[in-house]
Amino acid sequence: MPGRKRIRDAALLFAISLAAPSFAQQAHEVRITATEFSFEPAKIKLPQGEVKFVVTNRGSFPHSLAIVARKEKIRFIDSGETKSLTVKLDKEEELVFYCAQPGHRERGMEGKISVGKK
């Protein structure tokens, strides 16, 4: 019967659509607070994969977030503002993140990311 087949197919598609999000890997989220002139936390350990950095500026000055040898960055985070950056870290490595505003890194505004195995 054609009607039963359509209902069965629709039910199957519905079940697959409900299950699909469980197959998708969620980005690991890291929350960072920027102040004058530091990040908290300043040392971060992460597994390989997609990472979402959520940065809140609790300082009085504008800040930013950049990662050495990576082109992705948050160029400007005003005081009281929160911005995010999602990157894929696909190998074991040690990275340095820092504030790219003039003079901030030189005043100690940087941290380290250790990326481990999946």
PDB file of N, CA and C in Angstrom:
ATOM      1  N   MET A   1       0.838  -1.190   0.000  1.00  0.00           N
ATOM      2  CA  MET A   1       0.000   0.000   0.000  1.00  0.00           C
ATOM      3  C   MET A   1       0.880   1.250   0.000  1.00  0.00           C
ATOM      4  N   PRO A   2       0.659   2.149  -0.952  1.00  0.00           N
ATOM      5  CA  PRO A   2       1.501   3.337  -1.064  1.00  0.00           C
ATOM      6  C   PRO A   2       1.421   4.244   0.159  1.00  0.00           C
ATOM      7  N   GLY A   3       0.275   4.369   0.804  1.00  0.00           N
ATOM      8  CA  GLY A   3       0.121   5.250   1.960  1.00  0.00           C
ATOM      9  C   GLY A   3       0.968   4.811   3.133  1.00  0.00           C
ATOM     10  N   ARG A   4       1.011   3.508   3.389  1.00  0.00           N
ATOM     11  CA  ARG A   4       1.812   2.981   4.501  1.00  0.00           C
ATOM     12  C   ARG A   4       3.303   3.207   4.267  1.00  0.00           C
ATOM     13  N   LYS A   5       3.733   3.037   3.023  1.00  0.00           N
ATOM     14  CA  LYS A   5       5.144   3.234   2.693  1.00  0.00           C
ATOM     15  C   LYS A   5       5.546   4.685   2.945  1.00  0.00           C
ATOM     16  N   ARG A   6       4.691   5.627   2.562  1.00  0.00           N
ATOM     17  CA  ARG A   6       5.000   7.053   2.805  1.00  0.00           C
ATOM     18  C   ARG A   6       5.087   7.350   4.297  1.00  0.00           C
ATOM     19  N   ILE A   7       4.161   6.797   5.054  1.00  0.00           N
ATOM     20  CA  ILE A   7       4.181   7.014   6.509  1.00  0.00           C
ATOM     21  C   ILE A   7       5.445   6.411   7.112  1.00  0.00           C
ATOM     22  N   ARG A   8       5.791   5.188   6.684  1.00  0.00           N
ATOM     23  CA  ARG A   8       6.993   4.535   7.192  1.00  0.00           C
ATOM     24  C   ARG A   8       8.234   5.356   6.839  1.00  0.00           C
ATOM     25  N   ASP A   9       8.316   5.825   5.578  1.00  0.00           N
ATOM     26  CA  ASP A   9       9.462   6.623   5.136  1.00  0.00           C
ATOM     27  C   ASP A   9       9.551   7.939   5.912  1.00  0.00           C
ATOM     28  N   ALA A  10       8.413   8.574   6.115  1.00  0.00           N
ATOM     29  CA  ALA A  10       8.392   9.828   6.878  1.00  0.00           C
ATOM     30  C   ALA A  10       8.834   9.597   8.314  1.00  0.00           C
ATOM     31  N   ALA A  11       8.379   8.502   8.918  1.00  0.00           N
ATOM     32  CA  ALA A  11       8.767   8.182  10.294  1.00  0.00           C
ATOM     33  C   ALA A  11      10.268   7.911  10.367  1.00  0.00           C
ATOM     34  N   LEU A  12      10.806   7.218   9.377  1.00  0.00           N
ATOM     35  CA  LEU A  12      12.237   6.934   9.340  1.00  0.00           C
ATOM     36  C   LEU A  12      13.051   8.221   9.206  1.00  0.00           C
ATOM     37  N   LEU A  13      12.637   9.107   8.309  1.00  0.00           N
ATOM     38  CA  LEU A  13      13.331  10.386   8.147  1.00  0.00           C
ATOM     39  C   LEU A  13      13.272  11.222   9.419  1.00  0.00           C
ATOM     40  N   PHE A  14      12.128  11.213  10.095  1.00  0.00           N
ATOM     41  CA  PHE A  14      11.981  11.943  11.346  1.00  0.00           C
ATOM     42  C   PHE A  14      12.935  11.388  12.403  1.00  0.00           C
ATOM     43  N   ALA A  15      13.016  10.070  12.509  1.00  0.00           N
ATOM     44  CA  ALA A  15      13.905   9.440  13.491  1.00  0.00           C
ATOM     45  C   ALA A  15      15.367   9.779  13.193  1.00  0.00           C
ATOM     46  N   ILE A  16      15.747   9.766  11.922  1.00  0.00           N
ATOM     47  CA  ILE A  16      17.118  10.110  11.547  1.00  0.00           C
ATOM     48  C   ILE A  16      17.420  11.565  11.880  1.00  0.00           C
ATOM     49  N   SER A  17      16.460  12.458  11.643  1.00  0.00           N
ATOM     50  CA  SER A  17      16.702  13.878  11.924  1.00  0.00           C
ATOM     51  C   SER A  17      16.880  14.131  13.414  1.00  0.00           C
ATOM     52  N   LEU A  18      16.188  13.364  14.252  1.00  0.00           N
ATOM     53  CA  LEU A  18      16.369  13.513  15.698  1.00  0.00           C
ATOM     54  C   LEU A  18      17.722  12.989  16.145  1.00  0.00           C
ATOM     55  N   ALA A  19      18.197  11.947  15.506  1.00  0.00           N
ATOM     56  CA  ALA A  19      19.463  11.336  15.898  1.00  0.00           C
ATOM     57  C   ALA A  19      20.660  12.093  15.346  1.00  0.00           C
ATOM     58  N   ALA A  20      20.510  12.827  14.276  1.00  0.00           N
ATOM     59  CA  ALA A  20      21.634  13.476  13.604  1.00  0.00           C
ATOM     60  C   ALA A  20      22.475  14.364  14.512  1.00  0.00           C
ATOM     61  N   PRO A  21      21.894  15.215  15.364  1.00  0.00           N
ATOM     62  CA  PRO A  21      22.750  16.066  16.194  1.00  0.00           C
ATOM     63  C   PRO A  21      23.692  15.290  17.102  1.00  0.00           C
ATOM     64  N   SER A  22      23.327  14.078  17.503  1.00  0.00           N
ATOM     65  CA  SER A  22      24.205  13.312  18.377  1.00  0.00           C
ATOM     66  C   SER A  22      25.457  12.846  17.648  1.00  0.00           C
ATOM     67  N   PHE A  23      25.407  12.760  16.313  1.00  0.00           N
ATOM     68  CA  PHE A  23      26.572  12.367  15.544  1.00  0.00           C
ATOM     69  C   PHE A  23      27.530  13.532  15.346  1.00  0.00           C
ATOM     70  N   ALA A  24      27.035  14.747  15.366  1.00  0.00           N
ATOM     71  CA  ALA A  24      27.876  15.926  15.148  1.00  0.00           C
ATOM     72  C   ALA A  24      28.703  16.189  16.401  1.00  0.00           C
ATOM     73  N   GLN A  25      29.990  16.420  16.204  1.00  0.00           N
ATOM     74  CA  GLN A  25      30.858  16.706  17.334  1.00  0.00           C
ATOM     75  C   GLN A  25      30.757  18.180  17.685  1.00  0.00           C
ATOM     76  N   GLN A  26      30.456  18.458  18.934  1.00  0.00           N
ATOM     77  CA  GLN A  26      30.350  19.839  19.393  1.00  0.00           C
ATOM     78  C   GLN A  26      31.746  20.415  19.612  1.00  0.00           C
ATOM     79  N   ALA A  27      31.906  21.697  19.365  1.00  0.00           N
ATOM     80  CA  ALA A  27      33.172  22.373  19.638  1.00  0.00           C
ATOM     81  C   ALA A  27      33.394  22.425  21.142  1.00  0.00           C
ATOM     82  N   HIS A  28      34.607  22.187  21.555  1.00  0.00           N
ATOM     83  CA  HIS A  28      34.976  22.325  22.965  1.00  0.00           C
ATOM     84  C   HIS A  28      34.997  23.823  23.264  1.00  0.00           C
ATOM     85  N   GLU A  29      34.332  24.256  24.326  1.00  0.00           N
ATOM     86  CA  GLU A  29      34.262  25.690  24.622  1.00  0.00           C
ATOM     87  C   GLU A  29      35.196  26.044  25.773  1.00  0.00           C
ATOM     88  N   VAL A  30      35.965  27.113  25.575  1.00  0.00           N
ATOM     89  CA  VAL A  30      36.876  27.626  26.596  1.00  0.00           C
ATOM     90  C   VAL A  30      36.524  29.082  26.843  1.00  0.00           C
ATOM     91  N   ARG A  31      36.263  29.415  28.095  1.00  0.00           N
ATOM     92  CA  ARG A  31      35.956  30.798  28.461  1.00  0.00           C
ATOM     93  C   ARG A  31      37.215  31.456  29.028  1.00  0.00           C
ATOM     94  N   ILE A  32      37.534  32.628  28.487  1.00  0.00           N
ATOM     95  CA  ILE A  32      38.725  33.373  28.895  1.00  0.00           C
ATOM     96  C   ILE A  32      38.300  34.781  29.300  1.00  0.00           C
ATOM     97  N   THR A  33      38.877  35.269  30.383  1.00  0.00           N
ATOM     98  CA  THR A  33      38.643  36.644  30.819  1.00  0.00           C
ATOM     99  C   THR A  33      39.910  37.463  30.578  1.00  0.00           C
ATOM    100  N   ALA A  34      39.754  38.599  29.925  1.00  0.00           N
ATOM    101  CA  ALA A  34      40.869  39.513  29.670  1.00  0.00           C
ATOM    102  C   ALA A  34      40.751  40.702  30.621  1.00  0.00           C
ATOM    103  N   THR A  35      41.871  41.057  31.250  1.00  0.00           N
ATOM    104  CA  THR A  35      41.942  42.250  32.110  1.00  0.00           C
ATOM    105  C   THR A  35      43.262  42.949  31.796  1.00  0.00           C
ATOM    106  N   GLU A  36      43.594  43.984  32.538  1.00  0.00           N
ATOM    107  CA  GLU A  36      44.888  44.636  32.354  1.00  0.00           C
ATOM    108  C   GLU A  36      45.911  43.920  33.231  1.00  0.00           C
ATOM    109  N   PHE A  37      46.885  43.374  32.771  1.00  0.00           N
ATOM    110  CA  PHE A  37      47.264  42.959  31.441  1.00  0.00           C
ATOM    111  C   PHE A  37      47.501  41.460  31.496  1.00  0.00           C
ATOM    112  N   SER A  38      46.402  40.709  31.585  1.00  0.00           N
ATOM    113  CA  SER A  38      46.505  39.259  31.701  1.00  0.00           C
ATOM    114  C   SER A  38      45.238  38.580  31.186  1.00  0.00           C
ATOM    115  N   PHE A  39      45.374  37.277  30.978  1.00  0.00           N
ATOM    116  CA  PHE A  39      44.251  36.411  30.632  1.00  0.00           C
ATOM    117  C   PHE A  39      44.056  35.411  31.764  1.00  0.00           C
ATOM    118  N   GLU A  40      42.824  35.060  32.016  1.00  0.00           N
ATOM    119  CA  GLU A  40      42.508  34.016  32.999  1.00  0.00           C
ATOM    120  C   GLU A  40      41.556  33.040  32.343  1.00  0.00           C
ATOM    121  N   PRO A  41      41.903  31.794  32.178  1.00  0.00           N
ATOM    122  CA  PRO A  41      43.172  31.178  32.561  1.00  0.00           C
ATOM    123  C   PRO A  41      44.266  31.517  31.558  1.00  0.00           C
ATOM    124  N   ALA A  42      45.503  31.417  32.023  1.00  0.00           N
ATOM    125  CA  ALA A  42      46.649  31.689  31.158  1.00  0.00           C
ATOM    126  C   ALA A  42      47.249  30.398  30.617  1.00  0.00           C
ATOM    127  N   LYS A  43      46.838  29.262  31.173  1.00  0.00           N
ATOM    128  CA  LYS A  43      47.289  27.947  30.692  1.00  0.00           C
ATOM    129  C   LYS A  43      46.051  27.106  30.424  1.00  0.00           C
ATOM    130  N   ILE A  44      45.959  26.592  29.202  1.00  0.00           N
ATOM    131  CA  ILE A  44      44.781  25.841  28.776  1.00  0.00           C
ATOM    132  C   ILE A  44      45.226  24.525  28.157  1.00  0.00           C
ATOM    133  N   LYS A  45      44.615  23.420  28.594  1.00  0.00           N
ATOM    134  CA  LYS A  45      44.872  22.111  27.999  1.00  0.00           C
ATOM    135  C   LYS A  45      43.619  21.690  27.252  1.00  0.00           C
ATOM    136  N   LEU A  46      43.796  21.267  26.003  1.00  0.00           N
ATOM    137  CA  LEU A  46      42.667  20.910  25.153  1.00  0.00           C
ATOM    138  C   LEU A  46      42.944  19.637  24.370  1.00  0.00           C
ATOM    139  N   PRO A  47      41.881  18.888  24.058  1.00  0.00           N
ATOM    140  CA  PRO A  47      42.050  17.784  23.121  1.00  0.00           C
ATOM    141  C   PRO A  47      42.056  18.343  21.699  1.00  0.00           C
ATOM    142  N   GLN A  48      42.503  17.545  20.755  1.00  0.00           N
ATOM    143  CA  GLN A  48      42.443  17.957  19.354  1.00  0.00           C
ATOM    144  C   GLN A  48      40.982  18.084  18.944  1.00  0.00           C
ATOM    145  N   GLY A  49      40.731  18.968  18.006  1.00  0.00           N
ATOM    146  CA  GLY A  49      39.379  19.147  17.491  1.00  0.00           C
ATOM    147  C   GLY A  49      39.011  20.611  17.406  1.00  0.00           C
ATOM    148  N   GLU A  50      37.730  20.847  17.233  1.00  0.00           N
ATOM    149  CA  GLU A  50      37.233  22.212  17.111  1.00  0.00           C
ATOM    150  C   GLU A  50      37.083  22.823  18.504  1.00  0.00           C
ATOM    151  N   VAL A  51      37.571  24.048  18.633  1.00  0.00           N
ATOM    152  CA  VAL A  51      37.530  24.755  19.915  1.00  0.00           C
ATOM    153  C   VAL A  51      36.906  26.131  19.715  1.00  0.00           C
ATOM    154  N   LYS A  52      35.995  26.469  20.607  1.00  0.00           N
ATOM    155  CA  LYS A  52      35.385  27.803  20.600  1.00  0.00           C
ATOM    156  C   LYS A  52      35.917  28.566  21.811  1.00  0.00           C
ATOM    157  N   PHE A  53      36.702  29.609  21.546  1.00  0.00           N
ATOM    158  CA  PHE A  53      37.201  30.486  22.606  1.00  0.00           C
ATOM    159  C   PHE A  53      36.184  31.604  22.792  1.00  0.00           C
ATOM    160  N   VAL A  54      35.684  31.755  24.009  1.00  0.00           N
ATOM    161  CA  VAL A  54      34.742  32.819  24.338  1.00  0.00           C
ATOM    162  C   VAL A  54      35.482  33.772  25.271  1.00  0.00           C
ATOM    163  N   VAL A  55      35.737  34.984  24.795  1.00  0.00           N
ATOM    164  CA  VAL A  55      36.575  35.929  25.530  1.00  0.00           C
ATOM    165  C   VAL A  55      35.748  37.116  26.000  1.00  0.00           C
ATOM    166  N   THR A  56      35.809  37.388  27.303  1.00  0.00           N
ATOM    167  CA  THR A  56      35.127  38.535  27.898  1.00  0.00           C
ATOM    168  C   THR A  56      36.177  39.522  28.384  1.00  0.00           C
ATOM    169  N   ASN A  57      36.033  40.780  28.007  1.00  0.00           N
ATOM    170  CA  ASN A  57      36.953  41.825  28.432  1.00  0.00           C
ATOM    171  C   ASN A  57      36.413  42.475  29.701  1.00  0.00           C
ATOM    172  N   ARG A  58      37.042  42.175  30.819  1.00  0.00           N
ATOM    173  CA  ARG A  58      36.676  42.776  32.112  1.00  0.00           C
ATOM    174  C   ARG A  58      37.604  43.937  32.467  1.00  0.00           C
ATOM    175  N   GLY A  59      38.459  44.318  31.539  1.00  0.00           N
ATOM    176  CA  GLY A  59      39.376  45.423  31.768  1.00  0.00           C
ATOM    177  C   GLY A  59      38.779  46.744  31.321  1.00  0.00           C
ATOM    178  N   SER A  60      39.561  47.789  31.468  1.00  0.00           N
ATOM    179  CA  SER A  60      39.136  49.131  31.064  1.00  0.00           C
ATOM    180  C   SER A  60      39.515  49.464  29.635  1.00  0.00           C
ATOM    181  N   PHE A  61      40.527  48.774  29.118  1.00  0.00           N
ATOM    182  CA  PHE A  61      41.029  49.042  27.773  1.00  0.00           C
ATOM    183  C   PHE A  61      40.513  47.998  26.781  1.00  0.00           C
ATOM    184  N   PRO A  62      40.479  48.326  25.498  1.00  0.00           N
ATOM    185  CA  PRO A  62      40.163  47.319  24.482  1.00  0.00           C
ATOM    186  C   PRO A  62      41.258  46.248  24.453  1.00  0.00           C
ATOM    187  N   HIS A  63      40.868  45.010  24.206  1.00  0.00           N
ATOM    188  CA  HIS A  63      41.810  43.905  24.092  1.00  0.00           C
ATOM    189  C   HIS A  63      41.490  43.125  22.822  1.00  0.00           C
ATOM    190  N   SER A  64      42.256  42.056  22.594  1.00  0.00           N
ATOM    191  CA  SER A  64      42.042  41.194  21.438  1.00  0.00           C
ATOM    192  C   SER A  64      42.537  39.797  21.807  1.00  0.00           C
ATOM    193  N   LEU A  65      42.355  38.846  20.889  1.00  0.00           N
ATOM    194  CA  LEU A  65      42.892  37.501  21.096  1.00  0.00           C
ATOM    195  C   LEU A  65      43.467  37.011  19.775  1.00  0.00           C
ATOM    196  N   ALA A  66      44.751  36.693  19.795  1.00  0.00           N
ATOM    197  CA  ALA A  66      45.431  36.146  18.626  1.00  0.00           C
ATOM    198  C   ALA A  66      46.221  34.925  19.077  1.00  0.00           C
ATOM    199  N   ILE A  67      46.445  34.006  18.149  1.00  0.00           N
ATOM    200  CA  ILE A  67      47.219  32.801  18.428  1.00  0.00           C
ATOM    201  C   ILE A  67      48.413  32.805  17.481  1.00  0.00           C
ATOM    202  N   VAL A  68      49.613  32.645  18.033  1.00  0.00           N
ATOM    203  CA  VAL A  68      50.826  32.650  17.225  1.00  0.00           C
ATOM    204  C   VAL A  68      50.705  31.605  16.116  1.00  0.00           C
ATOM    205  N   ALA A  69      51.095  31.989  14.907  1.00  0.00           N
ATOM    206  CA  ALA A  69      51.107  31.129  13.718  1.00  0.00           C
ATOM    207  C   ALA A  69      49.714  30.760  13.216  1.00  0.00           C
ATOM    208  N   ARG A  70      48.681  31.454  13.667  1.00  0.00           N
ATOM    209  CA  ARG A  70      47.320  31.224  13.169  1.00  0.00           C
ATOM    210  C   ARG A  70      46.790  32.542  12.620  1.00  0.00           C
ATOM    211  N   LYS A  71      46.022  32.471  11.540  1.00  0.00           N
ATOM    212  CA  LYS A  71      45.489  33.713  10.983  1.00  0.00           C
ATOM    213  C   LYS A  71      44.161  34.119  11.629  1.00  0.00           C
ATOM    214  N   GLU A  72      43.437  33.163  12.257  1.00  0.00           N
ATOM    215  CA  GLU A  72      42.181  33.511  12.909  1.00  0.00           C
ATOM    216  C   GLU A  72      42.472  34.326  14.166  1.00  0.00           C
ATOM    217  N   LYS A  73      41.650  35.345  14.404  1.00  0.00           N
ATOM    218  CA  LYS A  73      41.833  36.150  15.619  1.00  0.00           C
ATOM    219  C   LYS A  73      40.584  36.974  15.890  1.00  0.00           C
ATOM    220  N   ILE A  74      40.489  37.445  17.110  1.00  0.00           N
ATOM    221  CA  ILE A  74      39.482  38.452  17.473  1.00  0.00           C
ATOM    222  C   ILE A  74      40.251  39.760  17.532  1.00  0.00           C
ATOM    223  N   ARG A  75      39.965  40.649  16.619  1.00  0.00           N
ATOM    224  CA  ARG A  75      40.766  41.873  16.488  1.00  0.00           C
ATOM    225  C   ARG A  75      40.501  42.914  17.571  1.00  0.00           C
ATOM    226  N   PHE A  76      39.276  42.972  18.068  1.00  0.00           N
ATOM    227  CA  PHE A  76      38.937  44.061  18.989  1.00  0.00           C
ATOM    228  C   PHE A  76      37.808  43.610  19.917  1.00  0.00           C
ATOM    229  N   ILE A  77      38.062  43.688  21.225  1.00  0.00           N
ATOM    230  CA  ILE A  77      37.041  43.383  22.230  1.00  0.00           C
ATOM    231  C   ILE A  77      36.982  44.589  23.165  1.00  0.00           C
ATOM    232  N   ASP A  78      35.917  45.341  23.091  1.00  0.00           N
ATOM    233  CA  ASP A  78      35.789  46.536  23.916  1.00  0.00           C
ATOM    234  C   ASP A  78      35.536  46.145  25.373  1.00  0.00           C
ATOM    235  N   SER A  79      35.756  47.052  26.282  1.00  0.00           N
ATOM    236  CA  SER A  79      35.518  46.829  27.707  1.00  0.00           C
ATOM    237  C   SER A  79      34.070  46.386  27.933  1.00  0.00           C
ATOM    238  N   GLY A  80      33.886  45.281  28.662  1.00  0.00           N
ATOM    239  CA  GLY A  80      32.555  44.763  28.950  1.00  0.00           C
ATOM    240  C   GLY A  80      31.974  43.878  27.864  1.00  0.00           C
ATOM    241  N   GLU A  81      32.657  43.749  26.751  1.00  0.00           N
ATOM    242  CA  GLU A  81      32.151  42.988  25.607  1.00  0.00           C
ATOM    243  C   GLU A  81      32.658  41.540  25.645  1.00  0.00           C
ATOM    244  N   THR A  82      31.883  40.642  25.042  1.00  0.00           N
ATOM    245  CA  THR A  82      32.273  39.241  24.896  1.00  0.00           C
ATOM    246  C   THR A  82      32.206  38.883  23.424  1.00  0.00           C
ATOM    247  N   LYS A  83      33.277  38.245  22.920  1.00  0.00           N
ATOM    248  CA  LYS A  83      33.311  37.778  21.527  1.00  0.00           C
ATOM    249  C   LYS A  83      33.871  36.363  21.514  1.00  0.00           C
ATOM    250  N   SER A  84      33.593  35.646  20.425  1.00  0.00           N
ATOM    251  CA  SER A  84      34.085  34.276  20.336  1.00  0.00           C
ATOM    252  C   SER A  84      34.853  34.038  19.047  1.00  0.00           C
ATOM    253  N   LEU A  85      35.663  33.003  19.094  1.00  0.00           N
ATOM    254  CA  LEU A  85      36.491  32.587  17.967  1.00  0.00           C
ATOM    255  C   LEU A  85      36.525  31.067  17.965  1.00  0.00           C
ATOM    256  N   THR A  86      36.166  30.457  16.843  1.00  0.00           N
ATOM    257  CA  THR A  86      36.203  29.003  16.725  1.00  0.00           C
ATOM    258  C   THR A  86      37.330  28.616  15.783  1.00  0.00           C
ATOM    259  N   VAL A  87      38.186  27.711  16.243  1.00  0.00           N
ATOM    260  CA  VAL A  87      39.323  27.240  15.447  1.00  0.00           C
ATOM    261  C   VAL A  87      39.400  25.724  15.528  1.00  0.00           C
ATOM    262  N   LYS A  88      40.039  25.141  14.548  1.00  0.00           N
ATOM    263  CA  LYS A  88      40.278  23.701  14.559  1.00  0.00           C
ATOM    264  C   LYS A  88      41.733  23.462  14.907  1.00  0.00           C
ATOM    265  N   LEU A  89      41.945  22.734  15.994  1.00  0.00           N
ATOM    266  CA  LEU A  89      43.287  22.373  16.443  1.00  0.00           C
ATOM    267  C   LEU A  89      43.440  20.888  16.161  1.00  0.00           C
ATOM    268  N   ASP A  90      44.098  20.545  15.067  1.00  0.00           N
ATOM    269  CA  ASP A  90      44.070  19.166  14.601  1.00  0.00           C
ATOM    270  C   ASP A  90      45.368  18.380  14.790  1.00  0.00           C
ATOM    271  N   LYS A  91      46.282  18.909  15.604  1.00  0.00           N
ATOM    272  CA  LYS A  91      47.497  18.152  15.897  1.00  0.00           C
ATOM    273  C   LYS A  91      47.988  18.479  17.304  1.00  0.00           C
ATOM    274  N   GLU A  92      48.792  17.559  17.852  1.00  0.00           N
ATOM    275  CA  GLU A  92      49.386  17.813  19.164  1.00  0.00           C
ATOM    276  C   GLU A  92      50.403  18.940  19.008  1.00  0.00           C
ATOM    277  N   GLU A  93      50.258  19.966  19.828  1.00  0.00           N
ATOM    278  CA  GLU A  93      51.187  21.094  19.738  1.00  0.00           C
ATOM    279  C   GLU A  93      51.034  22.010  20.942  1.00  0.00           C
ATOM    280  N   GLU A  94      52.009  22.887  21.092  1.00  0.00           N
ATOM    281  CA  GLU A  94      51.982  23.936  22.108  1.00  0.00           C
ATOM    282  C   GLU A  94      51.809  25.251  21.364  1.00  0.00           C
ATOM    283  N   LEU A  95      50.833  26.039  21.756  1.00  0.00           N
ATOM    284  CA  LEU A  95      50.553  27.316  21.111  1.00  0.00           C
ATOM    285  C   LEU A  95      50.599  28.434  22.140  1.00  0.00           C
ATOM    286  N   VAL A  96      50.853  29.634  21.659  1.00  0.00           N
ATOM    287  CA  VAL A  96      50.820  30.826  22.508  1.00  0.00           C
ATOM    288  C   VAL A  96      49.693  31.715  22.004  1.00  0.00           C
ATOM    289  N   PHE A  97      48.835  32.161  22.932  1.00  0.00           N
ATOM    290  CA  PHE A  97      47.822  33.159  22.580  1.00  0.00           C
ATOM    291  C   PHE A  97      48.183  34.456  23.281  1.00  0.00           C
ATOM    292  N   TYR A  98      47.741  35.575  22.704  1.00  0.00           N
ATOM    293  CA  TYR A  98      48.150  36.873  23.249  1.00  0.00           C
ATOM    294  C   TYR A  98      47.169  37.960  22.836  1.00  0.00           C
ATOM    295  N   CYS A  99      47.292  39.110  23.489  1.00  0.00           N
ATOM    296  CA  CYS A  99      46.535  40.297  23.103  1.00  0.00           C
ATOM    297  C   CYS A  99      47.385  41.066  22.098  1.00  0.00           C
ATOM    298  N   ALA A 100      46.799  41.312  20.922  1.00  0.00           N
ATOM    299  CA  ALA A 100      47.535  41.982  19.844  1.00  0.00           C
ATOM    300  C   ALA A 100      47.425  43.505  19.885  1.00  0.00           C
ATOM    301  N   GLN A 101      46.777  44.052  20.907  1.00  0.00           N
ATOM    302  CA  GLN A 101      46.736  45.507  21.020  1.00  0.00           C
ATOM    303  C   GLN A 101      48.151  46.011  21.316  1.00  0.00           C
ATOM    304  N   PRO A 102      48.536  47.139  20.761  1.00  0.00           N
ATOM    305  CA  PRO A 102      49.906  47.641  20.931  1.00  0.00           C
ATOM    306  C   PRO A 102      50.352  47.699  22.396  1.00  0.00           C
ATOM    307  N   GLY A 103      51.475  47.037  22.670  1.00  0.00           N
ATOM    308  CA  GLY A 103      52.080  47.070  24.000  1.00  0.00           C
ATOM    309  C   GLY A 103      51.523  46.065  25.000  1.00  0.00           C
ATOM    310  N   HIS A 104      50.399  45.440  24.732  1.00  0.00           N
ATOM    311  CA  HIS A 104      49.772  44.552  25.713  1.00  0.00           C
ATOM    312  C   HIS A 104      50.547  43.249  25.908  1.00  0.00           C
ATOM    313  N   ARG A 105      50.970  42.628  24.823  1.00  0.00           N
ATOM    314  CA  ARG A 105      51.731  41.386  24.959  1.00  0.00           C
ATOM    315  C   ARG A 105      53.043  41.647  25.691  1.00  0.00           C
ATOM    316  N   GLU A 106      53.670  42.748  25.379  1.00  0.00           N
ATOM    317  CA  GLU A 106      54.934  43.096  26.027  1.00  0.00           C
ATOM    318  C   GLU A 106      54.763  43.303  27.528  1.00  0.00           C
ATOM    319  N   ARG A 107      53.555  43.626  27.954  1.00  0.00           N
ATOM    320  CA  ARG A 107      53.278  43.819  29.382  1.00  0.00           C
ATOM    321  C   ARG A 107      52.796  42.527  30.040  1.00  0.00           C
ATOM    322  N   GLY A 108      52.913  41.409  29.312  1.00  0.00           N
ATOM    323  CA  GLY A 108      52.613  40.108  29.905  1.00  0.00           C
ATOM    324  C   GLY A 108      51.277  39.508  29.528  1.00  0.00           C
ATOM    325  N   MET A 109      50.577  40.091  28.592  1.00  0.00           N
ATOM    326  CA  MET A 109      49.238  39.611  28.247  1.00  0.00           C
ATOM    327  C   MET A 109      49.327  38.508  27.196  1.00  0.00           C
ATOM    328  N   GLU A 110      49.679  37.303  27.677  1.00  0.00           N
ATOM    329  CA  GLU A 110      49.738  36.129  26.827  1.00  0.00           C
ATOM    330  C   GLU A 110      49.519  34.871  27.665  1.00  0.00           C
ATOM    331  N   GLY A 111      49.280  33.770  26.989  1.00  0.00           N
ATOM    332  CA  GLY A 111      49.060  32.505  27.657  1.00  0.00           C
ATOM    333  C   GLY A 111      49.465  31.349  26.762  1.00  0.00           C
ATOM    334  N   LYS A 112      49.312  30.120  27.284  1.00  0.00           N
ATOM    335  CA  LYS A 112      49.724  28.935  26.543  1.00  0.00           C
ATOM    336  C   LYS A 112      48.578  27.953  26.400  1.00  0.00           C
ATOM    337  N   ILE A 113      48.546  27.304  25.238  1.00  0.00           N
ATOM    338  CA  ILE A 113      47.557  26.266  24.940  1.00  0.00           C
ATOM    339  C   ILE A 113      48.325  24.981  24.649  1.00  0.00           C
ATOM    340  N   SER A 114      48.007  23.922  25.373  1.00  0.00           N
ATOM    341  CA  SER A 114      48.575  22.603  25.104  1.00  0.00           C
ATOM    342  C   SER A 114      47.492  21.768  24.448  1.00  0.00           C
ATOM    343  N   VAL A 115      47.739  21.344  23.232  1.00  0.00           N
ATOM    344  CA  VAL A 115      46.774  20.525  22.495  1.00  0.00           C
ATOM    345  C   VAL A 115      47.271  19.078  22.541  1.00  0.00           C
ATOM    346  N   GLY A 116      46.428  18.201  23.087  1.00  0.00           N
ATOM    347  CA  GLY A 116      46.802  16.790  23.219  1.00  0.00           C
ATOM    348  C   GLY A 116      46.082  15.924  22.209  1.00  0.00           C
ATOM    349  N   LYS A 117      46.178  14.623  22.431  1.00  0.00           N
ATOM    350  CA  LYS A 117      45.529  13.665  21.546  1.00  0.00           C
ATOM    351  C   LYS A 117      44.026  13.755  21.679  1.00  0.00           C
ATOM    352  N   LYS A 118      43.332  13.304  20.627  1.00  0.00           N
ATOM    353  CA  LYS A 118      41.864  13.280  20.622  1.00  0.00           C
ATOM    354  C   LYS A 118      41.348  12.401  21.733  1.00  0.00           C
TER     355      LYS A 118
END
